[in-house]
Amino acid sequence: MFDKIEVEYTTNQDEYSREIILTHLDSILQYSHRYYLRQLINRAELSSKTL
């Protein structure tokens, strides 16, 4: 994703570039959010088994 953002920023400057870059950034944030939530789910399961 970062590479796609860099390529878009450096080579394809047109009226769609900003929207494409923002979409890629949104995807990165969505993946990060999903990863974070998975960590909480796994931690809750482990905590309840320990108790």
N, C-alpha and C. Protein backbone atom coordinates (compact mmCIF):
# COMPACT_ATOMS: atom_id res chain seq x y z
N MET A 1 0.82 -1.19 0.00
CA MET A 1 0.00 0.00 0.00
C MET A 1 0.87 1.26 0.00
N PHE A 2 1.91 1.24 0.81
CA PHE A 2 2.79 2.42 0.86
C PHE A 2 3.46 2.65 -0.49
N ASP A 3 3.84 1.56 -1.13
CA ASP A 3 4.46 1.70 -2.45
C ASP A 3 3.46 2.27 -3.47
N LYS A 4 2.22 1.83 -3.39
CA LYS A 4 1.21 2.35 -4.30
C LYS A 4 0.97 3.84 -4.07
N ILE A 5 0.98 4.24 -2.81
CA ILE A 5 0.81 5.66 -2.49
C ILE A 5 1.98 6.47 -3.07
N GLU A 6 3.18 5.95 -2.88
CA GLU A 6 4.36 6.66 -3.40
C GLU A 6 4.32 6.78 -4.91
N VAL A 7 3.97 5.70 -5.59
CA VAL A 7 3.90 5.74 -7.05
C VAL A 7 2.84 6.73 -7.50
N GLU A 8 1.70 6.70 -6.85
CA GLU A 8 0.62 7.63 -7.21
C GLU A 8 1.05 9.08 -6.98
N TYR A 9 1.72 9.32 -5.90
CA TYR A 9 2.15 10.68 -5.56
C TYR A 9 3.22 11.20 -6.52
N THR A 10 4.13 10.34 -6.92
CA THR A 10 5.27 10.79 -7.73
C THR A 10 5.02 10.77 -9.24
N THR A 11 4.10 9.93 -9.71
CA THR A 11 4.00 9.78 -11.16
C THR A 11 2.65 10.16 -11.76
N ASN A 12 1.59 10.02 -11.03
CA ASN A 12 0.27 10.18 -11.64
C ASN A 12 -0.49 11.38 -11.08
N GLN A 13 0.08 12.53 -11.16
CA GLN A 13 -0.58 13.71 -10.64
C GLN A 13 -1.71 14.14 -11.59
N ASP A 14 -2.94 13.80 -11.21
CA ASP A 14 -4.11 14.24 -11.95
C ASP A 14 -5.25 14.47 -10.97
N GLU A 15 -6.44 14.67 -11.46
CA GLU A 15 -7.54 15.01 -10.56
C GLU A 15 -7.98 13.85 -9.67
N TYR A 16 -7.55 12.64 -9.96
CA TYR A 16 -7.92 11.48 -9.17
C TYR A 16 -6.87 11.08 -8.14
N SER A 17 -5.70 11.64 -8.23
CA SER A 17 -4.59 11.26 -7.37
C SER A 17 -4.91 11.41 -5.89
N ARG A 18 -5.46 12.53 -5.53
CA ARG A 18 -5.76 12.78 -4.10
C ARG A 18 -6.74 11.74 -3.57
N GLU A 19 -7.79 11.47 -4.32
CA GLU A 19 -8.78 10.49 -3.88
C GLU A 19 -8.19 9.08 -3.79
N ILE A 20 -7.36 8.73 -4.72
CA ILE A 20 -6.72 7.40 -4.70
C ILE A 20 -5.79 7.28 -3.50
N ILE A 21 -4.99 8.30 -3.24
CA ILE A 21 -4.08 8.27 -2.09
C ILE A 21 -4.87 8.17 -0.79
N LEU A 22 -5.94 8.94 -0.67
CA LEU A 22 -6.77 8.88 0.54
C LEU A 22 -7.42 7.51 0.71
N THR A 23 -7.80 6.90 -0.38
CA THR A 23 -8.39 5.56 -0.32
C THR A 23 -7.37 4.54 0.16
N HIS A 24 -6.14 4.65 -0.31
CA HIS A 24 -5.09 3.74 0.15
C HIS A 24 -4.81 3.96 1.64
N LEU A 25 -4.77 5.21 2.07
CA LEU A 25 -4.56 5.50 3.50
C LEU A 25 -5.71 4.94 4.34
N ASP A 26 -6.93 5.07 3.85
CA ASP A 26 -8.08 4.51 4.55
C ASP A 26 -7.95 2.99 4.67
N SER A 27 -7.49 2.34 3.63
CA SER A 27 -7.30 0.89 3.67
C SER A 27 -6.26 0.50 4.72
N ILE A 28 -5.18 1.24 4.79
CA ILE A 28 -4.16 0.97 5.80
C ILE A 28 -4.75 1.10 7.19
N LEU A 29 -5.54 2.14 7.42
CA LEU A 29 -6.16 2.33 8.72
C LEU A 29 -7.17 1.23 9.04
N GLN A 30 -7.91 0.78 8.05
CA GLN A 30 -8.87 -0.31 8.26
C GLN A 30 -8.15 -1.61 8.62
N TYR A 31 -7.07 -1.92 7.93
CA TYR A 31 -6.28 -3.11 8.27
C TYR A 31 -5.72 -3.01 9.68
N SER A 32 -5.24 -1.83 10.04
CA SER A 32 -4.69 -1.62 11.39
C SER A 32 -5.76 -1.79 12.45
N HIS A 33 -6.93 -1.27 12.19
CA HIS A 33 -8.04 -1.39 13.13
C HIS A 33 -8.45 -2.85 13.31
N ARG A 34 -8.52 -3.59 12.20
CA ARG A 34 -8.87 -5.01 12.27
C ARG A 34 -7.83 -5.78 13.06
N TYR A 35 -6.56 -5.50 12.83
CA TYR A 35 -5.49 -6.17 13.57
C TYR A 35 -5.61 -5.88 15.06
N TYR A 36 -5.87 -4.61 15.40
CA TYR A 36 -6.01 -4.21 16.80
C TYR A 36 -7.17 -4.95 17.47
N LEU A 37 -8.30 -5.02 16.80
CA LEU A 37 -9.46 -5.70 17.37
C LEU A 37 -9.21 -7.20 17.55
N ARG A 38 -8.48 -7.80 16.63
CA ARG A 38 -8.14 -9.22 16.77
C ARG A 38 -7.28 -9.45 18.00
N GLN A 39 -6.39 -8.51 18.30
CA GLN A 39 -5.56 -8.64 19.50
C GLN A 39 -6.42 -8.63 20.75
N LEU A 40 -7.45 -7.80 20.78
CA LEU A 40 -8.33 -7.74 21.93
C LEU A 40 -9.16 -9.01 22.09
N ILE A 41 -9.61 -9.58 20.98
CA ILE A 41 -10.39 -10.82 21.03
C ILE A 41 -9.53 -11.94 21.59
N ASN A 42 -8.32 -12.07 21.08
CA ASN A 42 -7.43 -13.14 21.55
C ASN A 42 -7.07 -12.95 23.02
N ARG A 43 -6.86 -11.72 23.43
CA ARG A 43 -6.49 -11.44 24.81
C ARG A 43 -7.66 -11.76 25.74
N ALA A 44 -8.88 -11.47 25.35
CA ALA A 44 -10.06 -11.75 26.18
C ALA A 44 -10.23 -13.26 26.38
N GLU A 45 -10.00 -14.03 25.33
CA GLU A 45 -10.12 -15.49 25.43
C GLU A 45 -9.06 -16.04 26.39
N LEU A 46 -7.85 -15.56 26.31
CA LEU A 46 -6.78 -16.03 27.16
C LEU A 46 -7.04 -15.65 28.61
N SER A 47 -7.53 -14.44 28.84
CA SER A 47 -7.79 -13.98 30.20
C SER A 47 -8.87 -14.82 30.88
N SER A 48 -9.91 -15.14 30.14
CA SER A 48 -11.00 -15.92 30.75
C SER A 48 -10.56 -17.35 31.03
N LYS A 49 -9.68 -17.90 30.22
CA LYS A 49 -9.18 -19.26 30.49
C LYS A 49 -8.29 -19.28 31.72
N THR A 50 -7.53 -18.22 31.91
CA THR A 50 -6.65 -18.15 33.07
C THR A 50 -7.44 -18.05 34.37
N LEU A 51 -8.49 -17.26 34.35
CA LEU A 51 -9.31 -17.07 35.53
C LEU A 51 -10.05 -18.34 35.84
